[in-house]
Amino acid sequence: MSSKRQLVPVSERAIVQRLNRAMGKEGLRLKKARSTQTETSVGEWYVIDITRNFVAQQDVDLAKLAKKWKVLAAWETVGDL
């Protein structure tokens, strides 16, 4: 038997839903840029503070943010499904 750890892919959509549930308690929401202009100014993924209506984080790495908020388990990876 190999002792290789097998990673289970989780879709971007599922990760976004998990993150928004967790971050919603803090008044934060993860958004994806819908236009090229928005993407050049804040990055593909960004976090907004919904209580004060401003961009809290720019150029967010989805996998790193998911691990930081503990919504992505050690055996999971962000994958395209």
N, C-alpha and C. Protein backbone atom coordinates (compact mmCIF):
# COMPACT_ATOMS: atom_id res chain seq x y z
N MET A 1 0.83 -1.18 0.00
CA MET A 1 0.00 0.00 0.00
C MET A 1 0.87 1.25 0.00
N SER A 2 0.48 2.22 -0.76
CA SER A 2 1.26 3.46 -0.77
C SER A 2 0.78 4.38 0.34
N SER A 3 1.71 5.13 0.88
CA SER A 3 1.36 6.04 1.97
C SER A 3 1.11 7.45 1.44
N LYS A 4 0.86 7.54 0.13
CA LYS A 4 0.57 8.84 -0.47
C LYS A 4 -0.78 9.35 0.00
N ARG A 5 -0.83 10.60 0.32
CA ARG A 5 -2.09 11.21 0.74
C ARG A 5 -2.87 11.61 -0.51
N GLN A 6 -4.10 11.17 -0.59
CA GLN A 6 -4.93 11.49 -1.74
C GLN A 6 -5.80 12.70 -1.40
N LEU A 7 -5.77 13.70 -2.28
CA LEU A 7 -6.54 14.91 -2.06
C LEU A 7 -7.86 14.83 -2.81
N VAL A 8 -8.91 15.29 -2.16
CA VAL A 8 -10.24 15.29 -2.75
C VAL A 8 -10.52 16.69 -3.29
N PRO A 9 -10.85 16.81 -4.59
CA PRO A 9 -11.13 18.14 -5.13
C PRO A 9 -12.49 18.66 -4.68
N VAL A 10 -12.53 19.93 -4.34
CA VAL A 10 -13.77 20.60 -3.95
C VAL A 10 -13.95 21.77 -4.92
N SER A 11 -15.15 21.95 -5.44
CA SER A 11 -15.38 22.99 -6.43
C SER A 11 -15.22 24.39 -5.84
N GLU A 12 -14.89 25.34 -6.71
CA GLU A 12 -14.76 26.74 -6.28
C GLU A 12 -16.05 27.22 -5.65
N ARG A 13 -17.16 26.85 -6.26
CA ARG A 13 -18.46 27.29 -5.76
C ARG A 13 -18.70 26.81 -4.33
N ALA A 14 -18.35 25.56 -4.03
CA ALA A 14 -18.52 25.03 -2.68
C ALA A 14 -17.62 25.76 -1.69
N ILE A 15 -16.38 26.05 -2.10
CA ILE A 15 -15.46 26.78 -1.23
C ILE A 15 -15.99 28.18 -0.95
N VAL A 16 -16.50 28.85 -1.98
CA VAL A 16 -17.05 30.20 -1.81
C VAL A 16 -18.24 30.17 -0.85
N GLN A 17 -19.10 29.18 -0.98
CA GLN A 17 -20.25 29.06 -0.07
C GLN A 17 -19.80 28.82 1.36
N ARG A 18 -18.83 27.94 1.54
CA ARG A 18 -18.30 27.67 2.89
C ARG A 18 -17.70 28.94 3.49
N LEU A 19 -16.89 29.64 2.68
CA LEU A 19 -16.24 30.86 3.17
C LEU A 19 -17.26 31.93 3.52
N ASN A 20 -18.26 32.13 2.68
CA ASN A 20 -19.26 33.16 2.95
C ASN A 20 -20.08 32.84 4.20
N ARG A 21 -20.34 31.56 4.45
CA ARG A 21 -21.02 31.19 5.70
C ARG A 21 -20.16 31.53 6.91
N ALA A 22 -18.88 31.17 6.84
CA ALA A 22 -17.98 31.41 7.97
C ALA A 22 -17.70 32.90 8.15
N MET A 23 -17.42 33.60 7.06
CA MET A 23 -17.06 35.02 7.15
C MET A 23 -18.27 35.91 7.40
N GLY A 24 -19.46 35.42 7.07
CA GLY A 24 -20.67 36.20 7.27
C GLY A 24 -20.90 36.55 8.73
N LYS A 25 -20.43 35.70 9.62
CA LYS A 25 -20.56 35.96 11.06
C LYS A 25 -19.74 37.17 11.47
N GLU A 26 -18.70 37.49 10.69
CA GLU A 26 -17.82 38.63 10.97
C GLU A 26 -18.21 39.84 10.13
N GLY A 27 -19.27 39.72 9.32
CA GLY A 27 -19.70 40.82 8.47
C GLY A 27 -18.88 40.96 7.19
N LEU A 28 -18.29 39.84 6.74
CA LEU A 28 -17.47 39.85 5.54
C LEU A 28 -18.09 38.96 4.47
N ARG A 29 -17.77 39.24 3.21
CA ARG A 29 -18.28 38.43 2.10
C ARG A 29 -17.23 38.36 1.00
N LEU A 30 -17.05 37.17 0.46
CA LEU A 30 -16.11 36.94 -0.63
C LEU A 30 -16.83 37.20 -1.95
N LYS A 31 -16.18 37.95 -2.83
CA LYS A 31 -16.77 38.28 -4.13
C LYS A 31 -15.78 37.96 -5.23
N LYS A 32 -16.32 37.69 -6.42
CA LYS A 32 -15.48 37.48 -7.60
C LYS A 32 -15.71 38.64 -8.55
N ALA A 33 -14.64 39.19 -9.08
CA ALA A 33 -14.74 40.32 -10.01
C ALA A 33 -15.48 39.87 -11.27
N ARG A 34 -16.45 40.67 -11.69
CA ARG A 34 -17.23 40.31 -12.86
C ARG A 34 -16.79 41.06 -14.11
N SER A 35 -16.05 42.14 -13.93
CA SER A 35 -15.57 42.88 -15.09
C SER A 35 -14.05 42.95 -15.08
N THR A 36 -13.49 43.22 -16.22
CA THR A 36 -12.03 43.33 -16.34
C THR A 36 -11.52 44.50 -15.53
N GLN A 37 -12.27 45.58 -15.53
CA GLN A 37 -11.87 46.78 -14.79
C GLN A 37 -11.80 46.49 -13.29
N THR A 38 -12.80 45.80 -12.77
CA THR A 38 -12.81 45.45 -11.35
C THR A 38 -11.66 44.50 -11.04
N GLU A 39 -11.43 43.55 -11.93
CA GLU A 39 -10.36 42.57 -11.70
C GLU A 39 -8.99 43.24 -11.66
N THR A 40 -8.77 44.24 -12.49
CA THR A 40 -7.47 44.92 -12.47
C THR A 40 -7.30 45.77 -11.22
N SER A 41 -8.39 46.26 -10.64
CA SER A 41 -8.25 47.11 -9.46
C SER A 41 -8.22 46.34 -8.15
N VAL A 42 -8.98 45.24 -8.02
CA VAL A 42 -9.02 44.51 -6.75
C VAL A 42 -8.65 43.04 -6.86
N GLY A 43 -8.42 42.54 -8.06
CA GLY A 43 -8.07 41.14 -8.25
C GLY A 43 -9.28 40.30 -8.58
N GLU A 44 -9.03 39.03 -8.93
CA GLU A 44 -10.13 38.14 -9.31
C GLU A 44 -11.07 37.89 -8.13
N TRP A 45 -10.52 37.64 -6.95
CA TRP A 45 -11.31 37.43 -5.74
C TRP A 45 -10.98 38.52 -4.74
N TYR A 46 -11.98 39.04 -4.05
CA TYR A 46 -11.76 40.06 -3.03
C TYR A 46 -12.81 39.92 -1.94
N VAL A 47 -12.51 40.48 -0.77
CA VAL A 47 -13.40 40.39 0.38
C VAL A 47 -13.93 41.78 0.68
N ILE A 48 -15.25 41.87 0.89
CA ILE A 48 -15.84 43.15 1.26
C ILE A 48 -16.39 43.07 2.68
N ASP A 49 -16.36 44.20 3.35
CA ASP A 49 -16.98 44.34 4.67
C ASP A 49 -18.39 44.85 4.41
N ILE A 50 -19.39 44.01 4.65
CA ILE A 50 -20.77 44.37 4.30
C ILE A 50 -21.40 45.34 5.29
N THR A 51 -20.81 45.48 6.46
CA THR A 51 -21.38 46.42 7.43
C THR A 51 -20.93 47.85 7.14
N ARG A 52 -19.68 48.00 6.66
CA ARG A 52 -19.16 49.34 6.37
C ARG A 52 -19.02 49.61 4.88
N ASN A 53 -19.33 48.62 4.04
CA ASN A 53 -19.36 48.76 2.59
C ASN A 53 -18.03 49.23 2.00
N PHE A 54 -16.96 48.47 2.26
CA PHE A 54 -15.67 48.76 1.63
C PHE A 54 -14.92 47.45 1.39
N VAL A 55 -13.92 47.52 0.53
CA VAL A 55 -13.10 46.35 0.22
C VAL A 55 -12.13 46.12 1.37
N ALA A 56 -12.25 44.97 2.01
CA ALA A 56 -11.41 44.65 3.16
C ALA A 56 -10.11 43.96 2.75
N GLN A 57 -10.14 43.19 1.65
CA GLN A 57 -8.96 42.46 1.18
C GLN A 57 -8.99 42.37 -0.33
N GLN A 58 -7.84 42.56 -0.95
CA GLN A 58 -7.73 42.46 -2.41
C GLN A 58 -6.84 41.29 -2.79
N ASP A 59 -6.95 40.85 -4.04
CA ASP A 59 -6.12 39.76 -4.58
C ASP A 59 -6.07 38.55 -3.64
N VAL A 60 -7.22 38.02 -3.31
CA VAL A 60 -7.32 36.91 -2.37
C VAL A 60 -7.03 35.59 -3.07
N ASP A 61 -6.22 34.76 -2.45
CA ASP A 61 -5.97 33.39 -2.91
C ASP A 61 -7.03 32.51 -2.23
N LEU A 62 -7.88 31.90 -3.03
CA LEU A 62 -9.02 31.14 -2.52
C LEU A 62 -8.60 30.01 -1.58
N ALA A 63 -7.59 29.24 -1.96
CA ALA A 63 -7.15 28.10 -1.14
C ALA A 63 -6.56 28.57 0.18
N LYS A 64 -5.74 29.61 0.15
CA LYS A 64 -5.13 30.13 1.39
C LYS A 64 -6.19 30.69 2.33
N LEU A 65 -7.16 31.42 1.76
CA LEU A 65 -8.23 31.99 2.59
C LEU A 65 -9.08 30.88 3.20
N ALA A 66 -9.35 29.83 2.44
CA ALA A 66 -10.14 28.70 2.94
C ALA A 66 -9.43 28.00 4.09
N LYS A 67 -8.12 27.84 3.98
CA LYS A 67 -7.36 27.22 5.08
C LYS A 67 -7.30 28.14 6.29
N LYS A 68 -7.17 29.44 6.06
CA LYS A 68 -7.13 30.41 7.16
C LYS A 68 -8.43 30.38 7.96
N TRP A 69 -9.56 30.29 7.26
CA TRP A 69 -10.87 30.26 7.92
C TRP A 69 -11.28 28.84 8.31
N LYS A 70 -10.42 27.86 8.05
CA LYS A 70 -10.64 26.46 8.41
C LYS A 70 -11.91 25.86 7.80
N VAL A 71 -12.15 26.19 6.52
CA VAL A 71 -13.28 25.60 5.82
C VAL A 71 -12.82 24.59 4.77
N LEU A 72 -11.50 24.41 4.65
CA LEU A 72 -10.93 23.43 3.74
C LEU A 72 -10.09 22.46 4.56
N ALA A 73 -10.50 21.20 4.56
CA ALA A 73 -9.81 20.19 5.35
C ALA A 73 -8.45 19.85 4.73
N ALA A 74 -7.62 19.19 5.50
CA ALA A 74 -6.27 18.84 5.05
C ALA A 74 -6.29 17.92 3.83
N TRP A 75 -7.32 17.11 3.67
CA TRP A 75 -7.40 16.17 2.56
C TRP A 75 -8.17 16.75 1.36
N GLU A 76 -8.54 18.02 1.42
CA GLU A 76 -9.27 18.66 0.33
C GLU A 76 -8.39 19.67 -0.40
N THR A 77 -8.72 19.89 -1.66
CA THR A 77 -8.03 20.88 -2.47
C THR A 77 -9.05 21.59 -3.36
N VAL A 78 -8.78 22.83 -3.70
CA VAL A 78 -9.66 23.57 -4.59
C VAL A 78 -9.42 23.04 -5.99
N GLY A 79 -10.48 22.52 -6.60
CA GLY A 79 -10.34 21.94 -7.93
C GLY A 79 -11.51 22.31 -8.81
N ASP A 80 -11.31 22.19 -10.11
CA ASP A 80 -12.39 22.44 -11.06
C ASP A 80 -13.16 21.16 -11.28
N LEU A 81 -14.41 21.19 -10.92
CA LEU A 81 -15.25 19.99 -11.10
C LEU A 81 -16.30 20.24 -12.15
